[in-house]
Amino acid sequence: MANFPPSDGSTEPHEPRDDAGRPGTGVEQSDLELVRRVQRGERGAFDLLVLRYQHKVVKLVARMLRDPAEAEDVAQEAFVKAYRALGSFRGDSAFYTWLYRIAVNTARNTMASKQRRPLDYEADLSESEQSVVESRMRHGDTPEAAALSEEIHTTVNKAIEALPEDLRTAIILREVEGLSYEEIAEAMDCPVGTVRSRIFRAREAIDRNLKPLLD
């Protein structure tokens, strides 16, 4: 993904500087510090935020769209939207959850415009399910173990693809991105209780599909 060019037209991000315009000490600045610099007109500071989060945003969008090439474009669009909206960011929530909300909504809009459903995702198994799988796959180089592994992967992906979009997004943000329930609530713009319910229902649906394989 191409970074945003600094306002002076150069191709390299500006060197970090303090509030007085002096070069920074080399200590990595916080997201909020970089946001404040952008809000003061230092467009180059946004380059640093893009570099910090572009991999995570592209990965998140790619898992929703199932198209790595398109994910680059959608992620770029999300960063453009974030840059344009950054003036209204007050710091009430973490920058990355605010950014994730924009990325999720941008991916949703793309899917809606193409009437497409996301995802290539392998959910984590519950502890009891993992125990059963490990016992069956103790000799991982056997044809039986390889077949079981492939069947589990296929079953989980199909279960995830069948989920409603809100459950699917919640489980991705939790299991893949590792966000807390509170952070997911920020990203999805809903109460924490709703997030817990969505993740619980998503896991139940996955468990139902895996149960025949693990009995």
C-alpha atoms as a PDB file:
ATOM      1  CA  MET A   1       0.000   0.000   0.000  1.00  0.00           C
ATOM      2  CA  ALA A   2       1.365   3.400  -0.938  1.00  0.00           C
ATOM      3  CA  ASN A   3       1.857   5.761   1.958  1.00  0.00           C
ATOM      4  CA  PHE A   4       0.345   9.232   2.000  1.00  0.00           C
ATOM      5  CA  PRO A   5       2.914  11.723   0.659  1.00  0.00           C
ATOM      6  CA  PRO A   6       4.055  14.454   3.042  1.00  0.00           C
ATOM      7  CA  SER A   7       2.618  17.885   2.423  1.00  0.00           C
ATOM      8  CA  ASP A   8       5.943  19.189   1.084  1.00  0.00           C
ATOM      9  CA  GLY A   9       5.730  16.815  -1.880  1.00  0.00           C
ATOM     10  CA  SER A  10       8.640  14.584  -0.865  1.00  0.00           C
ATOM     11  CA  THR A  11       8.275  10.813  -0.943  1.00  0.00           C
ATOM     12  CA  GLU A  12       9.606  10.130   2.541  1.00  0.00           C
ATOM     13  CA  PRO A  13       7.722  10.563   5.828  1.00  0.00           C
ATOM     14  CA  HIS A  14       8.734  13.604   7.847  1.00  0.00           C
ATOM     15  CA  GLU A  15      11.229  13.060  10.628  1.00  0.00           C
ATOM     16  CA  PRO A  16       9.379  13.011  13.990  1.00  0.00           C
ATOM     17  CA  ARG A  17       9.614  16.377  15.735  1.00  0.00           C
ATOM     18  CA  ASP A  18       8.423  17.731  19.049  1.00  0.00           C
ATOM     19  CA  ASP A  19       5.878  20.520  19.595  1.00  0.00           C
ATOM     20  CA  ALA A  20       8.602  23.147  19.085  1.00  0.00           C
ATOM     21  CA  GLY A  21       9.537  21.682  15.706  1.00  0.00           C
ATOM     22  CA  ARG A  22      12.712  20.006  16.969  1.00  0.00           C
ATOM     23  CA  PRO A  23      13.599  16.467  15.828  1.00  0.00           C
ATOM     24  CA  GLY A  24      12.147  13.799  18.081  1.00  0.00           C
ATOM     25  CA  THR A  25      14.173  11.770  20.519  1.00  0.00           C
ATOM     26  CA  GLY A  26      13.665   8.545  18.592  1.00  0.00           C
ATOM     27  CA  VAL A  27      11.134   7.217  21.090  1.00  0.00           C
ATOM     28  CA  GLU A  28       8.056   5.975  19.253  1.00  0.00           C
ATOM     29  CA  GLN A  29       5.210   8.427  19.611  1.00  0.00           C
ATOM     30  CA  SER A  30       1.771   7.314  20.744  1.00  0.00           C
ATOM     31  CA  ASP A  31      -1.144   7.166  18.327  1.00  0.00           C
ATOM     32  CA  LEU A  32      -2.753  10.170  19.999  1.00  0.00           C
ATOM     33  CA  GLU A  33       0.437  12.216  19.714  1.00  0.00           C
ATOM     34  CA  LEU A  34       0.609  11.461  16.001  1.00  0.00           C
ATOM     35  CA  VAL A  35      -3.082  12.274  15.586  1.00  0.00           C
ATOM     36  CA  ARG A  36      -2.574  15.648  17.261  1.00  0.00           C
ATOM     37  CA  ARG A  37       0.303  16.375  14.886  1.00  0.00           C
ATOM     38  CA  VAL A  38      -1.907  15.573  11.890  1.00  0.00           C
ATOM     39  CA  GLN A  39      -4.621  17.817  13.291  1.00  0.00           C
ATOM     40  CA  ARG A  40      -2.058  20.624  13.507  1.00  0.00           C
ATOM     41  CA  GLY A  41      -1.413  20.227   9.798  1.00  0.00           C
ATOM     42  CA  GLU A  42       1.531  17.771   9.751  1.00  0.00           C
ATOM     43  CA  ARG A  43       0.330  15.456   7.036  1.00  0.00           C
ATOM     44  CA  GLY A  44       3.568  13.493   7.211  1.00  0.00           C
ATOM     45  CA  ALA A  45       2.572  12.273  10.681  1.00  0.00           C
ATOM     46  CA  PHE A  46      -0.283  10.376   9.059  1.00  0.00           C
ATOM     47  CA  ASP A  47       2.290   8.392   7.092  1.00  0.00           C
ATOM     48  CA  LEU A  48       3.526   7.016  10.403  1.00  0.00           C
ATOM     49  CA  LEU A  49       0.015   5.947  11.394  1.00  0.00           C
ATOM     50  CA  VAL A  50      -0.448   4.259   8.010  1.00  0.00           C
ATOM     51  CA  LEU A  51       2.851   2.415   8.413  1.00  0.00           C
ATOM     52  CA  ARG A  52       1.828   1.365  11.920  1.00  0.00           C
ATOM     53  CA  TYR A  53      -1.579  -0.062  10.992  1.00  0.00           C
ATOM     54  CA  GLN A  54      -1.660  -0.816   7.277  1.00  0.00           C
ATOM     55  CA  HIS A  55      -0.789  -4.506   7.722  1.00  0.00           C
ATOM     56  CA  LYS A  56      -3.532  -5.059  10.300  1.00  0.00           C
ATOM     57  CA  VAL A  57      -6.140  -3.176   8.289  1.00  0.00           C
ATOM     58  CA  VAL A  58      -5.315  -4.990   5.042  1.00  0.00           C
ATOM     59  CA  LYS A  59      -5.421  -8.327   6.872  1.00  0.00           C
ATOM     60  CA  LEU A  60      -8.789  -7.533   8.453  1.00  0.00           C
ATOM     61  CA  VAL A  61     -10.325  -6.373   5.179  1.00  0.00           C
ATOM     62  CA  ALA A  62      -8.881  -9.328   3.242  1.00  0.00           C
ATOM     63  CA  ARG A  63     -10.516 -11.770   5.647  1.00  0.00           C
ATOM     64  CA  MET A  64     -13.843 -10.055   5.076  1.00  0.00           C
ATOM     65  CA  LEU A  65     -13.589  -9.768   1.272  1.00  0.00           C
ATOM     66  CA  ARG A  66     -11.673 -12.967   0.394  1.00  0.00           C
ATOM     67  CA  ASP A  67      -9.776 -10.994  -2.232  1.00  0.00           C
ATOM     68  CA  PRO A  68      -6.251  -9.883  -1.237  1.00  0.00           C
ATOM     69  CA  ALA A  69      -5.838  -7.652  -4.278  1.00  0.00           C
ATOM     70  CA  GLU A  70      -9.092  -5.813  -3.645  1.00  0.00           C
ATOM     71  CA  ALA A  71      -8.310  -5.636   0.072  1.00  0.00           C
ATOM     72  CA  GLU A  72      -5.397  -3.310  -0.709  1.00  0.00           C
ATOM     73  CA  ASP A  73      -7.731  -0.886  -2.488  1.00  0.00           C
ATOM     74  CA  VAL A  74     -10.420  -1.045   0.195  1.00  0.00           C
ATOM     75  CA  ALA A  75      -7.862  -0.567   2.963  1.00  0.00           C
ATOM     76  CA  GLN A  76      -6.457   2.443   1.108  1.00  0.00           C
ATOM     77  CA  GLU A  77      -9.980   3.864   0.848  1.00  0.00           C
ATOM     78  CA  ALA A  78     -10.421   3.348   4.596  1.00  0.00           C
ATOM     79  CA  PHE A  79      -7.219   5.267   5.325  1.00  0.00           C
ATOM     80  CA  VAL A  80      -8.344   8.098   3.042  1.00  0.00           C
ATOM     81  CA  LYS A  81     -11.647   8.284   4.930  1.00  0.00           C
ATOM     82  CA  ALA A  82      -9.788   8.223   8.241  1.00  0.00           C
ATOM     83  CA  TYR A  83      -7.500  11.044   7.142  1.00  0.00           C
ATOM     84  CA  ARG A  84     -10.439  13.181   6.075  1.00  0.00           C
ATOM     85  CA  ALA A  85     -12.297  12.524   9.333  1.00  0.00           C
ATOM     86  CA  LEU A  86      -9.303  12.885  11.627  1.00  0.00           C
ATOM     87  CA  GLY A  87     -10.117  16.473  12.435  1.00  0.00           C
ATOM     88  CA  SER A  88     -13.159  15.285  14.388  1.00  0.00           C
ATOM     89  CA  PHE A  89     -11.253  12.612  16.342  1.00  0.00           C
ATOM     90  CA  ARG A  90     -11.257  13.681  20.002  1.00  0.00           C
ATOM     91  CA  GLY A  91      -9.425  10.762  21.583  1.00  0.00           C
ATOM     92  CA  ASP A  92     -12.431   9.455  23.528  1.00  0.00           C
ATOM     93  CA  SER A  93     -11.591   5.996  22.182  1.00  0.00           C
ATOM     94  CA  ALA A  94      -8.355   4.389  21.021  1.00  0.00           C
ATOM     95  CA  PHE A  95      -7.277   5.465  17.551  1.00  0.00           C
ATOM     96  CA  TYR A  96      -7.025   1.893  16.276  1.00  0.00           C
ATOM     97  CA  THR A  97     -10.594   0.993  17.293  1.00  0.00           C
ATOM     98  CA  TRP A  98     -11.782   4.176  15.572  1.00  0.00           C
ATOM     99  CA  LEU A  99      -9.765   3.166  12.493  1.00  0.00           C
ATOM    100  CA  TYR A 100     -11.091  -0.411  12.609  1.00  0.00           C
ATOM    101  CA  ARG A 101     -14.654   0.931  12.626  1.00  0.00           C
ATOM    102  CA  ILE A 102     -13.939   2.858   9.433  1.00  0.00           C
ATOM    103  CA  ALA A 103     -12.263  -0.191   7.841  1.00  0.00           C
ATOM    104  CA  VAL A 104     -15.133  -2.527   8.789  1.00  0.00           C
ATOM    105  CA  ASN A 105     -17.742  -0.112   7.443  1.00  0.00           C
ATOM    106  CA  THR A 106     -15.782   0.435   4.226  1.00  0.00           C
ATOM    107  CA  ALA A 107     -15.505  -3.331   3.686  1.00  0.00           C
ATOM    108  CA  ARG A 108     -19.213  -3.736   4.429  1.00  0.00           C
ATOM    109  CA  ASN A 109     -20.073  -1.102   1.847  1.00  0.00           C
ATOM    110  CA  THR A 110     -17.903  -2.860  -0.727  1.00  0.00           C
ATOM    111  CA  MET A 111     -19.570  -6.204  -0.036  1.00  0.00           C
ATOM    112  CA  ALA A 112     -23.036  -4.644  -0.164  1.00  0.00           C
ATOM    113  CA  SER A 113     -22.291  -2.993  -3.498  1.00  0.00           C
ATOM    114  CA  LYS A 114     -21.282  -6.351  -4.945  1.00  0.00           C
ATOM    115  CA  GLN A 115     -23.808  -8.421  -2.982  1.00  0.00           C
ATOM    116  CA  ARG A 116     -21.000 -10.607  -1.761  1.00  0.00           C
ATOM    117  CA  ARG A 117     -20.305 -12.438   1.460  1.00  0.00           C
ATOM    118  CA  PRO A 118     -16.879 -12.574   3.125  1.00  0.00           C
ATOM    119  CA  LEU A 119     -14.412 -14.685   4.551  1.00  0.00           C
ATOM    120  CA  ASP A 120     -11.663 -17.118   4.697  1.00  0.00           C
ATOM    121  CA  TYR A 121     -11.207 -17.661   8.384  1.00  0.00           C
ATOM    122  CA  GLU A 122     -10.280 -20.502  10.691  1.00  0.00           C
ATOM    123  CA  ALA A 123     -11.769 -20.056  14.152  1.00  0.00           C
ATOM    124  CA  ASP A 124     -10.078 -21.216  17.324  1.00  0.00           C
ATOM    125  CA  LEU A 125     -11.519 -24.389  18.763  1.00  0.00           C
ATOM    126  CA  SER A 126     -12.819 -24.515  22.293  1.00  0.00           C
ATOM    127  CA  GLU A 127     -10.579 -26.170  24.879  1.00  0.00           C
ATOM    128  CA  SER A 128     -12.621 -29.391  24.919  1.00  0.00           C
ATOM    129  CA  GLU A 129     -12.716 -29.562  21.121  1.00  0.00           C
ATOM    130  CA  GLN A 130      -8.994 -28.924  20.902  1.00  0.00           C
ATOM    131  CA  SER A 131      -8.384 -31.802  23.294  1.00  0.00           C
ATOM    132  CA  VAL A 132     -10.378 -34.172  21.107  1.00  0.00           C
ATOM    133  CA  VAL A 133      -8.627 -33.024  17.963  1.00  0.00           C
ATOM    134  CA  GLU A 134      -5.194 -33.408  19.553  1.00  0.00           C
ATOM    135  CA  SER A 135      -5.998 -36.922  20.686  1.00  0.00           C
ATOM    136  CA  ARG A 136      -7.075 -37.847  17.165  1.00  0.00           C
ATOM    137  CA  MET A 137      -4.105 -36.106  15.547  1.00  0.00           C
ATOM    138  CA  ARG A 138      -1.349 -37.183  17.907  1.00  0.00           C
ATOM    139  CA  HIS A 139       0.392 -38.763  14.923  1.00  0.00           C
ATOM    140  CA  GLY A 140       0.080 -35.768  12.657  1.00  0.00           C
ATOM    141  CA  ASP A 141       1.784 -37.370   9.679  1.00  0.00           C
ATOM    142  CA  THR A 142      -0.869 -40.042   9.220  1.00  0.00           C
ATOM    143  CA  PRO A 143      -3.394 -39.793   6.372  1.00  0.00           C
ATOM    144  CA  GLU A 144      -6.222 -39.914   8.918  1.00  0.00           C
ATOM    145  CA  ALA A 145      -4.852 -36.932  10.831  1.00  0.00           C
ATOM    146  CA  ALA A 146      -4.323 -34.931   7.646  1.00  0.00           C
ATOM    147  CA  ALA A 147      -7.847 -35.704   6.485  1.00  0.00           C
ATOM    148  CA  LEU A 148      -9.325 -34.673   9.836  1.00  0.00           C
ATOM    149  CA  SER A 149      -7.382 -31.418   9.832  1.00  0.00           C
ATOM    150  CA  GLU A 150      -8.591 -30.555   6.338  1.00  0.00           C
ATOM    151  CA  GLU A 151     -12.177 -31.477   7.207  1.00  0.00           C
ATOM    152  CA  ILE A 152     -12.125 -29.285  10.320  1.00  0.00           C
ATOM    153  CA  HIS A 153     -10.714 -26.369   8.338  1.00  0.00           C
ATOM    154  CA  THR A 154     -13.391 -26.745   5.648  1.00  0.00           C
ATOM    155  CA  THR A 155     -16.190 -27.143   8.178  1.00  0.00           C
ATOM    156  CA  VAL A 156     -15.154 -24.076  10.168  1.00  0.00           C
ATOM    157  CA  ASN A 157     -14.907 -21.921   7.044  1.00  0.00           C
ATOM    158  CA  LYS A 158     -18.351 -23.012   5.889  1.00  0.00           C
ATOM    159  CA  ALA A 159     -19.795 -22.337   9.335  1.00  0.00           C
ATOM    160  CA  ILE A 160     -18.259 -18.862   9.383  1.00  0.00           C
ATOM    161  CA  GLU A 161     -19.465 -18.063   5.863  1.00  0.00           C
ATOM    162  CA  ALA A 162     -23.007 -19.016   6.901  1.00  0.00           C
ATOM    163  CA  LEU A 163     -23.015 -16.581   9.832  1.00  0.00           C
ATOM    164  CA  PRO A 164     -24.879 -13.285   9.602  1.00  0.00           C
ATOM    165  CA  GLU A 165     -22.515 -10.406   8.859  1.00  0.00           C
ATOM    166  CA  ASP A 166     -22.681  -8.936  12.379  1.00  0.00           C
ATOM    167  CA  LEU A 167     -21.728 -12.250  14.028  1.00  0.00           C
ATOM    168  CA  ARG A 168     -18.988 -12.846  11.469  1.00  0.00           C
ATOM    169  CA  THR A 169     -17.392  -9.439  11.985  1.00  0.00           C
ATOM    170  CA  ALA A 170     -17.492  -9.782  15.771  1.00  0.00           C
ATOM    171  CA  ILE A 171     -15.784 -13.186  15.772  1.00  0.00           C
ATOM    172  CA  ILE A 172     -13.063 -11.945  13.379  1.00  0.00           C
ATOM    173  CA  LEU A 173     -12.267  -8.939  15.542  1.00  0.00           C
ATOM    174  CA  ARG A 174     -12.142 -11.125  18.650  1.00  0.00           C
ATOM    175  CA  GLU A 175     -10.327 -14.254  17.459  1.00  0.00           C
ATOM    176  CA  VAL A 176      -8.166 -12.881  14.640  1.00  0.00           C
ATOM    177  CA  GLU A 177      -7.437  -9.305  15.694  1.00  0.00           C
ATOM    178  CA  GLY A 178      -7.483 -10.043  19.425  1.00  0.00           C
ATOM    179  CA  LEU A 179      -9.598  -7.035  20.362  1.00  0.00           C
ATOM    180  CA  SER A 180     -11.296  -6.841  23.752  1.00  0.00           C
ATOM    181  CA  TYR A 181     -15.078  -6.810  23.982  1.00  0.00           C
ATOM    182  CA  GLU A 182     -14.961  -3.090  24.732  1.00  0.00           C
ATOM    183  CA  GLU A 183     -12.777  -2.416  21.674  1.00  0.00           C
ATOM    184  CA  ILE A 184     -15.066  -4.473  19.439  1.00  0.00           C
ATOM    185  CA  ALA A 185     -18.025  -2.477  20.737  1.00  0.00           C
ATOM    186  CA  GLU A 186     -16.204   0.709  19.685  1.00  0.00           C
ATOM    187  CA  ALA A 187     -15.327  -0.693  16.259  1.00  0.00           C
ATOM    188  CA  MET A 188     -18.847  -2.009  15.595  1.00  0.00           C
ATOM    189  CA  ASP A 189     -20.631   0.918  17.263  1.00  0.00           C
ATOM    190  CA  CYS A 190     -22.768  -1.223  19.555  1.00  0.00           C
ATOM    191  CA  PRO A 191     -23.030  -2.012  23.308  1.00  0.00           C
ATOM    192  CA  VAL A 192     -20.581  -4.449  24.906  1.00  0.00           C
ATOM    193  CA  GLY A 193     -23.476  -6.745  25.790  1.00  0.00           C
ATOM    194  CA  THR A 194     -24.365  -6.998  22.127  1.00  0.00           C
ATOM    195  CA  VAL A 195     -20.770  -7.927  21.287  1.00  0.00           C
ATOM    196  CA  ARG A 196     -20.770 -10.700  23.904  1.00  0.00           C
ATOM    197  CA  SER A 197     -24.045 -12.038  22.538  1.00  0.00           C
ATOM    198  CA  ARG A 198     -22.792 -12.012  18.944  1.00  0.00           C
ATOM    199  CA  ILE A 199     -19.563 -13.816  19.782  1.00  0.00           C
ATOM    200  CA  PHE A 200     -21.415 -16.387  21.904  1.00  0.00           C
ATOM    201  CA  ARG A 201     -23.876 -17.075  19.087  1.00  0.00           C
ATOM    202  CA  ALA A 202     -21.075 -17.297  16.522  1.00  0.00           C
ATOM    203  CA  ARG A 203     -19.161 -19.818  18.624  1.00  0.00           C
ATOM    204  CA  GLU A 204     -22.327 -21.852  19.195  1.00  0.00           C
ATOM    205  CA  ALA A 205     -22.917 -22.043  15.441  1.00  0.00           C
ATOM    206  CA  ILE A 206     -19.341 -23.161  14.817  1.00  0.00           C
ATOM    207  CA  ASP A 207     -19.558 -25.736  17.614  1.00  0.00           C
ATOM    208  CA  ARG A 208     -22.752 -27.224  16.148  1.00  0.00           C
ATOM    209  CA  ASN A 209     -21.028 -27.749  12.815  1.00  0.00           C
ATOM    210  CA  LEU A 210     -17.909 -29.265  14.398  1.00  0.00           C
ATOM    211  CA  LYS A 211     -19.720 -31.588  16.790  1.00  0.00           C
ATOM    212  CA  PRO A 212     -20.258 -34.445  14.290  1.00  0.00           C
ATOM    213  CA  LEU A 213     -16.516 -34.486  13.544  1.00  0.00           C
ATOM    214  CA  LEU A 214     -15.502 -34.585  17.187  1.00  0.00           C
ATOM    215  CA  ASP A 215     -17.989 -37.084  18.628  1.00  0.00           C
END
